Amino acid sequence: MSRSAEEIKVSIKNGATALGIEFGSTRIKAVLTDETTAPVAQGSHEWENRLENNIWTYSMDDIINGLQSCYRSLAEDVKEKYGEELTTFGSVGISAMMHGYMAFDGEGTLLVPFRTWRNTITAKASEELTALFSYNIPQRWSIAHLYQAILNGEEHVGRIRFLTTLAGFIHWKLTGGKVLGVGDASGMFPIDTETGDYDEEMVEKFDALIAPRGYSWKLKEILPKSLSAGEAAGVLTEEGARLLDPSGTLKPGIALCPPEGDAGTGMTATNSVAVRTGNVSAGTSVFAMVVLEKKLSKVYPEIDLVTTPTGHLVGMVHCNNCTSDLNAWVGLFKEFYEAMGMKADMNELFATLYYKALEGDADCGGLMSYCYLSGEPITGFEEGRPLFVRMPDSRMSLANFMRTHLYSSLATLKIGLDILFKEEGVTLDQLMGHGGLFKTKGVGQRIMAAAAAVPVSVMETAGEGGAWGIAVLASYMKNKAEKETLDDYLNRQVFAGGKAEIMAPDPEDVKGFDAFIGSYKSGLAAERGAVDGLKM
């Protein structure tokens, strides 16, 4: 049941709300929820990573200014809608892009520029650690970045006193606590799902591996403490309140939940934290999360093993590239539209082109695209080289062109999902979809269903994204019943009576996508040759 503006105003005044802030790749978003976990206000800040010295990064100014701008945007939205100043909340949660490398010395100084998940500069470290642990260590994981810095002989490594993710950093600045939600922690270093802590045997192996280098620290001394969803993770300090809200209106003392990664908040936002559930997030990058009933039979470089916010094992297929190249092509159509003297509405333009794609041939008519704006570890590419190709007899049309780019945005994801479903026999009733790819009703959902060959469901609330997901986790910490699990809380409090649209895969679409993937794989070797030829 929807609540009146006056009821929401009382909730805000009494601090009965939950605030979630998530740092995405292109947008920082804040969501305020009421006692029912329904979103009642939002704020946002646009930002973009930059490639500096061959490193994808955001500066410290980008991070802090973005945080403050996003919060200010939320406060303005609350003031406009309800006439209230934000002075307190019931609870707060911070989320961000997982993985990457933020290393600090004993004074809290960032030792090298933030290295984001998007970098593919740790291939040697990834390979050696995977062999050492018999556990897949992707290039973007924090431990891979740390070990690569060691292999590179980087001077700063000996001065590290704290290593964390972006979410962990923001939480630390707000509370003073060096902690991390177990889901985010599982993208730094492998987690023992029995204990919810870093795998002790692997920690010992790593310490032994680097012992000859004589560093003064041990691995667990520099990693954040791993916490499960529902655990208390500190309170907003006076300094943290001023950092978040320089106006001085916000009061300290507010409880924060464990900071989580965007994968964990995506699982929460789609009610996909229980065994045999799964979700896919598709935007700048694309990743699918499948909560597993048991461990996989062997190590797959295409499959990451991470956890839910409560520590259940998850098979994760993460691809660096999804809609960036597609968005660039839509931008080109916008330029043409405006060159013809017309004003382009981007929502209308995207919708028109996406719906046009559904008119294309199921196999895209022989057109092919590789959307690698950045490196793509799943297919072995260290650098990005977007490529669109066709044969002389390919059926070139707008519909096939757009369908090709939609297929391409999910192609590497499909390669990983095929391992889970076809080689490991993992079964799901459906995938829950969220992210920008699913905004145009029925299009991204249909293409995703064809790629995964399972029904894809999109919920009304899924569009709220990870900022809402971390607000829900903050609310869970504050309002859960005694011994109530996260999945029970979600089913009781958050998703009871929620509406979802389910789309089963069309057999012809599945057949067409399989044909596309066959050509995609056979063309990878040729593309690698082209990339090598372009290297200077």
Protein backbone atom coordinates (compact mmCIF):
# COMPACT_ATOMS: atom_id res chain seq x y z
CA MET A 1 0.00 0.00 0.00
CA SER A 2 1.40 3.38 -0.97
CA ARG A 3 1.88 5.94 1.78
CA SER A 4 0.93 9.58 1.74
CA ALA A 5 3.46 12.38 1.48
CA GLU A 6 2.56 13.42 5.03
CA GLU A 7 3.29 9.92 6.38
CA ILE A 8 6.63 9.85 4.56
CA LYS A 9 7.42 13.31 5.94
CA VAL A 10 6.93 12.00 9.48
CA SER A 11 9.22 9.05 8.73
CA ILE A 12 11.94 11.40 7.50
CA LYS A 13 11.58 13.71 10.50
CA ASN A 14 11.75 10.78 12.93
CA GLY A 15 14.72 9.14 11.23
CA ALA A 16 12.74 6.00 10.40
CA THR A 17 14.31 5.80 6.95
CA ALA A 18 17.21 3.90 5.39
CA LEU A 19 19.74 5.51 3.07
CA GLY A 20 21.65 3.61 0.41
CA ILE A 21 24.45 5.09 -1.70
CA GLU A 22 26.09 3.14 -4.51
CA PHE A 23 29.07 4.13 -6.64
CA GLY A 24 28.43 2.73 -10.11
CA SER A 25 30.69 2.99 -13.14
CA THR A 26 29.01 6.07 -14.58
CA ARG A 27 26.67 7.25 -11.83
CA ILE A 28 26.66 7.59 -8.06
CA LYS A 29 23.12 7.09 -6.83
CA ALA A 30 21.40 7.61 -3.48
CA VAL A 31 18.04 6.10 -2.53
CA LEU A 32 16.03 6.88 0.58
CA THR A 33 13.48 4.28 1.71
CA ASP A 34 10.69 4.37 4.26
CA GLU A 35 9.78 1.72 6.85
CA THR A 36 8.35 -0.53 4.13
CA THR A 37 11.64 -0.30 2.15
CA ALA A 38 9.80 1.58 -0.61
CA PRO A 39 11.93 4.30 -2.28
CA VAL A 40 10.72 7.78 -1.36
CA ALA A 41 13.54 10.02 -2.66
CA GLN A 42 16.62 9.81 -4.85
CA GLY A 43 19.79 11.67 -5.67
CA SER A 44 22.52 11.13 -8.24
CA HIS A 45 25.83 12.34 -9.60
CA GLU A 46 27.25 11.53 -13.02
CA TRP A 47 30.91 10.61 -13.25
CA GLU A 48 33.25 8.70 -15.53
CA ASN A 49 36.48 6.81 -15.13
CA ARG A 50 39.51 7.97 -17.07
CA LEU A 51 42.48 6.16 -18.57
CA GLU A 52 45.65 7.65 -17.08
CA ASN A 53 49.05 6.08 -17.71
CA ASN A 54 47.22 3.00 -18.99
CA ILE A 55 45.28 2.70 -15.71
CA TRP A 56 41.49 3.04 -15.48
CA THR A 57 40.95 5.22 -12.43
CA TYR A 58 38.86 7.79 -10.56
CA SER A 59 40.72 10.47 -8.59
CA MET A 60 40.20 11.04 -4.87
CA ASP A 61 38.55 14.35 -5.74
CA ASP A 62 36.20 12.49 -8.10
CA ILE A 63 35.22 10.14 -5.27
CA ILE A 64 34.69 12.67 -2.48
CA ASN A 65 33.09 15.36 -4.64
CA GLY A 66 30.85 12.73 -6.21
CA LEU A 67 29.75 11.46 -2.79
CA GLN A 68 28.88 14.94 -1.59
CA SER A 69 27.16 15.93 -4.83
CA CYS A 70 25.03 12.79 -4.77
CA TYR A 71 24.02 13.32 -1.14
CA ARG A 72 23.24 16.99 -1.80
CA SER A 73 21.05 15.93 -4.73
CA LEU A 74 19.14 13.56 -2.43
CA ALA A 75 18.71 16.25 0.23
CA GLU A 76 17.34 18.64 -2.39
CA ASP A 77 14.89 15.99 -3.61
CA VAL A 78 13.65 15.42 -0.04
CA LYS A 79 13.30 19.18 0.52
CA GLU A 80 11.36 19.63 -2.71
CA LYS A 81 9.01 16.68 -2.17
CA TYR A 82 8.44 16.82 1.57
CA GLY A 83 9.75 20.16 2.82
CA GLU A 84 12.11 18.46 5.27
CA GLU A 85 15.80 18.82 6.04
CA LEU A 86 17.74 15.55 6.33
CA THR A 87 19.16 15.40 9.84
CA THR A 88 19.25 11.65 10.53
CA PHE A 89 18.36 8.19 9.22
CA GLY A 90 17.46 4.88 10.80
CA SER A 91 20.42 3.26 9.05
CA VAL A 92 22.82 3.81 6.17
CA GLY A 93 24.58 1.51 3.70
CA ILE A 94 27.41 2.12 1.23
CA SER A 95 27.97 0.08 -1.92
CA ALA A 96 30.26 0.37 -4.92
CA MET A 97 31.87 -1.40 -7.83
CA MET A 98 33.65 -4.48 -6.51
CA HIS A 99 37.33 -5.47 -6.75
CA GLY A 100 40.12 -3.10 -7.72
CA TYR A 101 42.98 -1.76 -5.65
CA MET A 102 42.97 0.96 -3.01
CA ALA A 103 46.14 0.72 -0.89
CA PHE A 104 46.82 3.05 2.05
CA ASP A 105 49.77 3.69 4.36
CA GLY A 106 49.63 4.04 8.13
CA GLU A 107 48.60 7.70 7.85
CA GLY A 108 45.63 6.86 5.66
CA THR A 109 47.23 8.22 2.49
CA LEU A 110 46.38 6.56 -0.82
CA LEU A 111 49.68 5.15 -2.06
CA VAL A 112 48.88 4.83 -5.79
CA PRO A 113 45.89 6.01 -7.84
CA PHE A 114 42.78 3.83 -7.46
CA ARG A 115 42.98 0.89 -9.88
CA THR A 116 39.44 -0.09 -10.81
CA TRP A 117 37.91 -3.44 -11.77
CA ARG A 118 38.17 -2.42 -15.41
CA ASN A 119 41.95 -2.82 -15.58
CA THR A 120 43.40 -5.92 -17.22
CA ILE A 121 47.00 -5.48 -16.09
CA THR A 122 47.35 -8.41 -13.70
CA ALA A 123 47.44 -11.42 -16.02
CA LYS A 124 50.63 -12.94 -14.58
CA ALA A 125 49.46 -12.52 -10.99
CA SER A 126 46.04 -13.95 -11.83
CA GLU A 127 47.58 -17.00 -13.48
CA GLU A 128 50.07 -17.72 -10.69
CA LEU A 129 47.56 -17.27 -7.86
CA THR A 130 44.96 -19.42 -9.60
CA ALA A 131 47.55 -22.21 -9.82
CA LEU A 132 48.69 -21.68 -6.21
CA PHE A 133 45.17 -21.76 -4.74
CA SER A 134 43.50 -24.14 -7.24
CA TYR A 135 40.83 -21.45 -7.23
CA ASN A 136 40.06 -18.95 -9.97
CA ILE A 137 41.56 -15.54 -9.19
CA PRO A 138 40.34 -13.08 -11.85
CA GLN A 139 42.49 -10.16 -12.94
CA ARG A 140 40.24 -7.54 -11.36
CA TRP A 141 40.38 -9.04 -7.84
CA SER A 142 42.23 -7.03 -5.21
CA ILE A 143 44.62 -9.86 -4.39
CA ALA A 144 45.63 -10.08 -8.07
CA HIS A 145 46.36 -6.35 -8.10
CA LEU A 146 48.39 -6.65 -4.90
CA TYR A 147 50.44 -9.59 -6.14
CA GLN A 148 51.01 -7.95 -9.53
CA ALA A 149 52.36 -4.87 -7.73
CA ILE A 150 54.70 -7.22 -5.84
CA LEU A 151 55.82 -8.90 -9.07
CA ASN A 152 56.37 -5.46 -10.60
CA GLY A 153 58.60 -4.51 -7.66
CA GLU A 154 56.49 -1.44 -6.89
CA GLU A 155 58.02 0.50 -4.03
CA HIS A 156 54.77 1.33 -2.27
CA VAL A 157 53.90 -2.28 -1.40
CA GLY A 158 56.13 -2.34 1.68
CA ARG A 159 54.29 0.69 3.08
CA ILE A 160 50.78 -0.78 2.79
CA ARG A 161 48.83 -0.86 6.04
CA PHE A 162 45.29 -1.17 4.65
CA LEU A 163 43.89 -2.57 1.42
CA THR A 164 40.23 -2.21 0.56
CA THR A 165 37.59 -1.65 -2.12
CA LEU A 166 35.83 1.59 -3.01
CA ALA A 167 32.84 0.73 -0.77
CA GLY A 168 35.19 -0.20 2.05
CA PHE A 169 37.04 3.09 1.65
CA ILE A 170 33.90 5.23 1.84
CA HIS A 171 32.62 3.26 4.85
CA TRP A 172 36.00 3.72 6.56
CA LYS A 173 35.88 7.48 6.01
CA LEU A 174 32.33 7.67 7.41
CA THR A 175 32.77 5.40 10.43
CA GLY A 176 36.48 4.83 11.01
CA GLY A 177 35.86 1.07 10.70
CA LYS A 178 38.02 -1.11 8.44
CA VAL A 179 35.31 -3.64 7.56
CA LEU A 180 33.64 -5.06 4.46
CA GLY A 181 30.54 -7.08 3.69
CA VAL A 182 31.41 -10.69 2.94
CA GLY A 183 30.14 -10.41 -0.64
CA ASP A 184 32.48 -7.53 -1.40
CA ALA A 185 35.28 -9.21 0.57
CA SER A 186 34.90 -12.31 -1.61
CA GLY A 187 36.02 -10.17 -4.57
CA MET A 188 39.19 -9.21 -2.73
CA PHE A 189 40.27 -12.70 -1.60
CA PRO A 190 38.59 -16.13 -1.54
CA ILE A 191 36.14 -16.69 1.32
CA ASP A 192 35.65 -19.87 3.34
CA THR A 193 31.85 -20.21 3.18
CA GLU A 194 31.86 -22.26 6.39
CA THR A 195 33.38 -19.42 8.46
CA GLY A 196 32.44 -16.34 6.42
CA ASP A 197 36.07 -15.22 6.67
CA TYR A 198 39.03 -15.26 4.29
CA ASP A 199 40.15 -18.80 3.46
CA GLU A 200 42.85 -19.48 6.04
CA GLU A 201 44.74 -22.07 4.01
CA MET A 202 44.97 -19.73 1.04
CA VAL A 203 46.02 -16.84 3.28
CA GLU A 204 48.87 -18.98 4.62
CA LYS A 205 49.91 -19.96 1.10
CA PHE A 206 50.02 -16.32 0.04
CA ASP A 207 52.02 -15.25 3.09
CA ALA A 208 54.50 -18.07 2.44
CA LEU A 209 54.74 -17.10 -1.24
CA ILE A 210 55.77 -13.51 -0.50
CA ALA A 211 57.74 -14.20 2.70
CA PRO A 212 61.16 -13.99 0.94
CA ARG A 213 60.39 -10.37 0.03
CA GLY A 214 60.51 -9.36 3.68
CA TYR A 215 57.43 -7.14 3.98
CA SER A 216 56.52 -6.10 7.52
CA TRP A 217 52.84 -7.04 7.10
CA LYS A 218 50.86 -10.27 6.86
CA LEU A 219 47.89 -10.45 4.49
CA LYS A 220 45.09 -10.53 7.08
CA GLU A 221 46.64 -7.53 8.82
CA ILE A 222 45.95 -5.31 5.82
CA LEU A 223 42.58 -6.72 4.70
CA PRO A 224 39.26 -5.35 6.04
CA LYS A 225 37.32 -7.51 8.48
CA SER A 226 34.64 -9.58 6.73
CA LEU A 227 31.07 -9.14 8.05
CA SER A 228 27.80 -10.81 7.10
CA ALA A 229 24.58 -8.98 6.22
CA GLY A 230 22.69 -8.02 9.36
CA GLU A 231 25.78 -7.43 11.49
CA ALA A 232 26.48 -4.00 12.92
CA ALA A 233 29.31 -2.22 11.11
CA GLY A 234 29.83 0.98 13.08
CA VAL A 235 28.20 4.40 13.31
CA LEU A 236 28.57 7.67 11.48
CA THR A 237 31.25 9.76 13.18
CA GLU A 238 31.28 13.53 13.48
CA GLU A 239 33.97 13.63 10.77
CA GLY A 240 31.97 11.23 8.63
CA ALA A 241 28.83 13.32 8.92
CA ARG A 242 30.72 16.45 7.82
CA LEU A 243 32.28 14.54 4.93
CA LEU A 244 28.90 13.33 3.68
CA ASP A 245 27.09 16.59 4.37
CA PRO A 246 29.43 19.61 4.54
CA SER A 247 26.43 21.85 5.32
CA GLY A 248 26.45 20.49 8.88
CA THR A 249 22.78 19.49 8.87
CA LEU A 250 23.32 15.74 9.20
CA LYS A 251 23.89 14.44 12.74
CA PRO A 252 26.41 11.71 13.65
CA GLY A 253 25.62 8.45 15.45
CA ILE A 254 23.65 6.74 12.67
CA ALA A 255 24.20 2.96 12.36
CA LEU A 256 25.77 1.63 9.15
CA CYS A 257 25.44 -1.87 7.74
CA PRO A 258 28.44 -3.72 6.26
CA PRO A 259 29.50 -2.03 2.99
CA GLU A 260 28.78 -4.25 0.01
CA GLY A 261 29.75 -4.61 -3.63
CA ASP A 262 27.43 -4.03 -6.54
CA ALA A 263 27.04 -7.79 -7.03
CA GLY A 264 25.65 -8.24 -3.52
CA THR A 265 23.29 -5.29 -3.80
CA GLY A 266 22.13 -6.57 -7.18
CA MET A 267 21.29 -9.93 -5.62
CA THR A 268 19.40 -8.17 -2.85
CA ALA A 269 17.54 -5.86 -5.23
CA THR A 270 16.32 -8.84 -7.25
CA ASN A 271 15.54 -11.20 -4.34
CA SER A 272 18.26 -13.55 -5.56
CA VAL A 273 20.16 -14.46 -2.39
CA ALA A 274 18.74 -17.95 -1.83
CA VAL A 275 20.13 -21.19 -3.29
CA ARG A 276 19.02 -21.89 -6.91
CA THR A 277 18.24 -18.22 -7.57
CA GLY A 278 20.14 -16.03 -9.98
CA ASN A 279 20.29 -12.53 -11.37
CA VAL A 280 21.98 -10.65 -14.16
CA SER A 281 23.04 -7.00 -14.07
CA ALA A 282 23.62 -5.42 -17.46
CA GLY A 283 24.97 -1.94 -17.97
CA THR A 284 28.53 -0.70 -18.59
CA SER A 285 29.66 -4.18 -17.59
CA VAL A 286 27.52 -7.29 -17.33
CA PHE A 287 27.60 -10.02 -14.74
CA ALA A 288 25.39 -12.92 -13.74
CA MET A 289 25.20 -14.33 -10.23
CA VAL A 290 23.97 -17.87 -9.62
CA VAL A 291 23.67 -19.07 -6.01
CA LEU A 292 25.08 -22.59 -6.05
CA GLU A 293 23.97 -25.70 -4.21
CA LYS A 294 27.48 -27.15 -4.28
CA LYS A 295 31.03 -26.38 -5.35
CA LEU A 296 31.94 -26.65 -9.03
CA SER A 297 33.74 -29.78 -10.19
CA LYS A 298 36.85 -27.91 -11.30
CA VAL A 299 38.41 -24.48 -11.72
CA TYR A 300 37.11 -22.41 -14.63
CA PRO A 301 38.83 -19.13 -15.52
CA GLU A 302 35.48 -17.87 -16.81
CA ILE A 303 33.68 -18.44 -13.48
CA ASP A 304 34.39 -16.44 -10.32
CA LEU A 305 33.41 -17.93 -6.99
CA VAL A 306 32.14 -15.20 -4.69
CA THR A 307 29.39 -15.07 -2.06
CA THR A 308 26.01 -13.56 -1.32
CA PRO A 309 25.87 -10.85 1.39
CA THR A 310 25.29 -13.69 3.86
CA GLY A 311 28.15 -15.90 2.65
CA HIS A 312 26.50 -18.49 0.36
CA LEU A 313 28.65 -19.64 -2.56
CA VAL A 314 27.90 -17.92 -5.87
CA GLY A 315 29.06 -18.70 -9.40
CA MET A 316 29.70 -15.34 -11.03
CA VAL A 317 30.25 -14.66 -14.72
CA HIS A 318 31.68 -11.16 -15.01
CA CYS A 319 32.36 -9.43 -18.32
CA ASN A 320 34.05 -6.05 -18.55
CA ASN A 321 32.09 -4.94 -21.60
CA CYS A 322 28.38 -4.69 -22.19
CA THR A 323 26.57 -1.56 -23.42
CA SER A 324 29.39 1.00 -23.85
CA ASP A 325 29.98 0.24 -27.53
CA LEU A 326 26.24 -0.06 -28.16
CA ASN A 327 25.71 3.35 -26.51
CA ALA A 328 28.40 4.85 -28.74
CA TRP A 329 26.54 3.68 -31.85
CA VAL A 330 23.28 5.13 -30.50
CA GLY A 331 25.20 8.37 -29.95
CA LEU A 332 26.16 8.29 -33.63
CA PHE A 333 22.50 7.97 -34.61
CA LYS A 334 21.77 10.94 -32.32
CA GLU A 335 24.34 13.02 -34.22
CA PHE A 336 22.72 12.08 -37.52
CA TYR A 337 19.27 12.90 -36.15
CA GLU A 338 20.42 16.33 -35.03
CA ALA A 339 22.30 16.92 -38.29
CA MET A 340 18.91 16.51 -39.99
CA GLY A 341 17.62 19.40 -37.91
CA MET A 342 15.65 17.39 -35.35
CA LYS A 343 15.97 17.35 -31.56
CA ALA A 344 16.80 13.89 -30.26
CA ASP A 345 15.16 12.51 -27.12
CA MET A 346 17.60 9.84 -25.94
CA ASN A 347 14.96 7.69 -24.24
CA GLU A 348 12.87 7.68 -27.41
CA LEU A 349 15.93 7.03 -29.57
CA PHE A 350 17.04 4.06 -27.49
CA ALA A 351 13.53 2.62 -27.42
CA THR A 352 13.07 3.01 -31.19
CA LEU A 353 16.39 1.33 -32.01
CA TYR A 354 15.93 -1.43 -29.43
CA TYR A 355 12.46 -2.32 -30.69
CA LYS A 356 13.78 -2.24 -34.25
CA ALA A 357 16.29 -4.93 -33.23
CA LEU A 358 13.43 -7.35 -32.57
CA GLU A 359 12.57 -7.21 -36.29
CA GLY A 360 16.02 -8.52 -37.21
CA ASP A 361 17.00 -12.05 -38.17
CA ALA A 362 17.42 -14.42 -35.23
CA ASP A 363 21.08 -14.96 -36.22
CA CYS A 364 21.63 -11.24 -37.04
CA GLY A 365 21.93 -11.90 -40.74
CA GLY A 366 25.62 -12.66 -40.69
CA LEU A 367 26.69 -9.40 -39.05
CA MET A 368 29.22 -9.53 -36.21
CA SER A 369 30.35 -7.18 -33.44
CA TYR A 370 32.94 -7.37 -30.66
CA CYS A 371 32.11 -4.67 -28.10
CA TYR A 372 35.48 -4.61 -26.31
CA LEU A 373 35.91 -1.00 -25.26
CA SER A 374 38.26 -2.32 -22.57
CA GLY A 375 40.07 -5.64 -22.14
CA GLU A 376 37.96 -8.79 -21.77
CA PRO A 377 39.59 -11.56 -19.68
CA ILE A 378 36.94 -14.18 -20.46
CA THR A 379 38.05 -14.18 -24.09
CA GLY A 380 41.70 -13.35 -23.42
CA PHE A 381 41.89 -9.71 -24.54
CA GLU A 382 44.14 -7.40 -22.53
CA GLU A 383 43.07 -4.22 -24.32
CA GLY A 384 39.87 -2.93 -25.87
CA ARG A 385 39.37 -2.78 -29.63
CA PRO A 386 35.66 -2.44 -30.56
CA LEU A 387 35.06 -4.07 -33.92
CA PHE A 388 32.08 -4.40 -36.27
CA VAL A 389 32.45 -6.70 -39.27
CA ARG A 390 30.35 -8.25 -42.03
CA MET A 391 30.72 -10.39 -45.09
CA PRO A 392 29.79 -9.11 -48.56
CA ASP A 393 26.64 -11.24 -48.51
CA SER A 394 25.60 -10.39 -44.92
CA ARG A 395 22.09 -8.98 -44.61
CA MET A 396 22.89 -5.39 -43.61
CA SER A 397 19.83 -3.63 -42.20
CA LEU A 398 19.12 -1.38 -39.24
CA ALA A 399 17.26 -4.20 -37.49
CA ASN A 400 20.12 -6.67 -37.92
CA PHE A 401 22.68 -4.02 -37.00
CA MET A 402 20.97 -3.24 -33.69
CA ARG A 403 20.29 -6.89 -32.92
CA THR A 404 23.97 -7.66 -33.53
CA HIS A 405 25.06 -5.10 -30.96
CA LEU A 406 22.56 -6.36 -28.42
CA TYR A 407 23.79 -9.93 -28.94
CA SER A 408 27.39 -8.76 -28.75
CA SER A 409 26.76 -7.04 -25.41
CA LEU A 410 25.81 -10.44 -23.92
CA ALA A 411 28.08 -12.75 -25.93
CA THR A 412 30.88 -13.18 -23.39
CA LEU A 413 28.28 -13.60 -20.63
CA LYS A 414 26.72 -16.44 -22.60
CA ILE A 415 30.10 -18.17 -22.90
CA GLY A 416 30.34 -18.26 -19.10
CA LEU A 417 26.71 -19.21 -18.51
CA ASP A 418 27.02 -22.12 -20.94
CA ILE A 419 29.75 -23.53 -18.66
CA LEU A 420 27.46 -23.37 -15.63
CA PHE A 421 24.36 -24.70 -17.32
CA LYS A 422 25.75 -27.14 -19.87
CA GLU A 423 28.99 -28.40 -18.29
CA GLU A 424 28.21 -28.17 -14.56
CA GLY A 425 24.50 -28.97 -14.82
CA VAL A 426 23.42 -25.96 -12.76
CA THR A 427 19.67 -25.41 -13.01
CA LEU A 428 17.63 -22.27 -12.42
CA ASP A 429 13.93 -21.60 -12.68
CA GLN A 430 14.63 -18.08 -13.89
CA LEU A 431 17.11 -15.22 -13.94
CA MET A 432 16.17 -11.87 -12.47
CA GLY A 433 17.29 -9.02 -14.72
CA HIS A 434 18.20 -5.45 -13.77
CA GLY A 435 20.29 -2.61 -15.14
CA GLY A 436 20.19 -0.27 -18.10
CA LEU A 437 19.86 -3.02 -20.72
CA PHE A 438 16.40 -3.85 -19.36
CA LYS A 439 14.98 -0.33 -19.37
CA THR A 440 13.31 -0.70 -22.75
CA LYS A 441 10.40 -2.98 -21.95
CA GLY A 442 10.66 -6.48 -23.36
CA VAL A 443 13.81 -6.02 -25.48
CA GLY A 444 16.84 -6.65 -23.27
CA GLN A 445 14.74 -9.23 -21.43
CA ARG A 446 14.06 -11.15 -24.64
CA ILE A 447 17.70 -11.03 -25.76
CA MET A 448 18.86 -12.16 -22.30
CA ALA A 449 16.39 -15.06 -22.33
CA ALA A 450 17.78 -16.14 -25.70
CA ALA A 451 21.37 -15.95 -24.42
CA ALA A 452 20.76 -17.89 -21.19
CA ALA A 453 18.03 -20.19 -22.58
CA VAL A 454 16.13 -19.74 -19.31
CA PRO A 455 13.17 -17.48 -18.44
CA VAL A 456 14.17 -13.94 -17.46
CA SER A 457 12.13 -11.98 -14.96
CA VAL A 458 12.20 -8.21 -14.47
CA MET A 459 10.64 -6.83 -11.29
CA GLU A 460 9.14 -3.37 -10.91
CA THR A 461 11.59 -2.57 -8.13
CA ALA A 462 14.65 -3.92 -9.97
CA GLY A 463 14.97 -0.62 -11.79
CA GLU A 464 15.91 0.99 -8.47
CA GLY A 465 19.22 -0.86 -8.69
CA GLY A 466 22.02 -1.34 -6.21
CA ALA A 467 21.48 1.89 -4.24
CA TRP A 468 18.07 0.55 -3.28
CA GLY A 469 19.64 -2.87 -2.63
CA ILE A 470 22.11 -1.48 -0.09
CA ALA A 471 19.31 0.58 1.51
CA VAL A 472 17.40 -2.70 1.94
CA LEU A 473 20.49 -4.28 3.54
CA ALA A 474 20.72 -1.31 5.89
CA SER A 475 17.05 -1.73 6.76
CA TYR A 476 17.56 -5.47 7.32
CA MET A 477 20.31 -4.78 9.83
CA LYS A 478 18.06 -2.34 11.71
CA ASN A 479 14.65 -4.02 11.47
CA LYS A 480 15.09 -7.80 11.10
CA ALA A 481 13.31 -10.10 13.52
CA GLU A 482 15.43 -12.21 15.87
CA LYS A 483 17.29 -14.90 13.88
CA GLU A 484 15.51 -13.81 10.67
CA THR A 485 17.58 -14.67 7.58
CA LEU A 486 18.06 -12.19 4.77
CA ASP A 487 16.07 -14.25 2.26
CA ASP A 488 13.20 -14.57 4.77
CA TYR A 489 13.28 -10.81 5.38
CA LEU A 490 13.22 -10.11 1.66
CA ASN A 491 10.26 -12.42 1.11
CA ARG A 492 8.35 -11.08 4.13
CA GLN A 493 9.10 -7.39 4.10
CA VAL A 494 10.37 -6.38 0.69
CA PHE A 495 9.00 -8.54 -2.09
CA ALA A 496 5.71 -9.82 -0.68
CA GLY A 497 3.13 -9.16 -3.39
CA GLY A 498 5.75 -7.72 -5.71
CA LYS A 499 5.03 -7.81 -9.42
CA ALA A 500 7.39 -9.32 -11.96
CA GLU A 501 7.19 -9.86 -15.69
CA ILE A 502 8.56 -13.22 -16.80
CA MET A 503 9.63 -13.89 -20.37
CA ALA A 504 10.40 -17.42 -21.53
CA PRO A 505 13.07 -17.86 -24.21
CA ASP A 506 11.80 -18.04 -27.77
CA PRO A 507 13.15 -21.25 -29.38
CA GLU A 508 14.03 -19.44 -32.60
CA ASP A 509 15.85 -16.72 -30.66
CA VAL A 510 17.83 -19.35 -28.75
CA LYS A 511 18.75 -21.11 -31.99
CA GLY A 512 19.75 -17.80 -33.58
CA PHE A 513 21.87 -16.74 -30.60
CA ASP A 514 23.63 -20.12 -30.60
CA ALA A 515 24.44 -19.64 -34.30
CA PHE A 516 25.71 -16.14 -33.57
CA ILE A 517 27.95 -17.44 -30.77
CA GLY A 518 29.37 -20.10 -33.07
CA SER A 519 30.48 -17.40 -35.49
CA TYR A 520 31.56 -15.16 -32.59
CA LYS A 521 33.94 -17.78 -31.22
CA SER A 522 35.39 -18.65 -34.61
CA GLY A 523 36.05 -14.96 -35.23
CA LEU A 524 37.90 -14.40 -31.96
CA ALA A 525 41.19 -15.76 -33.30
CA ALA A 526 40.93 -13.46 -36.31
CA GLU A 527 40.18 -10.49 -34.04
CA ARG A 528 43.19 -11.31 -31.84
CA GLY A 529 45.32 -11.20 -34.97
CA ALA A 530 43.84 -7.84 -35.90
CA VAL A 531 44.47 -6.48 -32.40
CA ASP A 532 48.08 -7.70 -32.47
CA GLY A 533 48.53 -6.02 -35.82
CA LEU A 534 47.24 -2.72 -34.41
CA LYS A 535 49.62 -2.73 -31.44
CA MET A 536 52.41 -0.22 -31.81
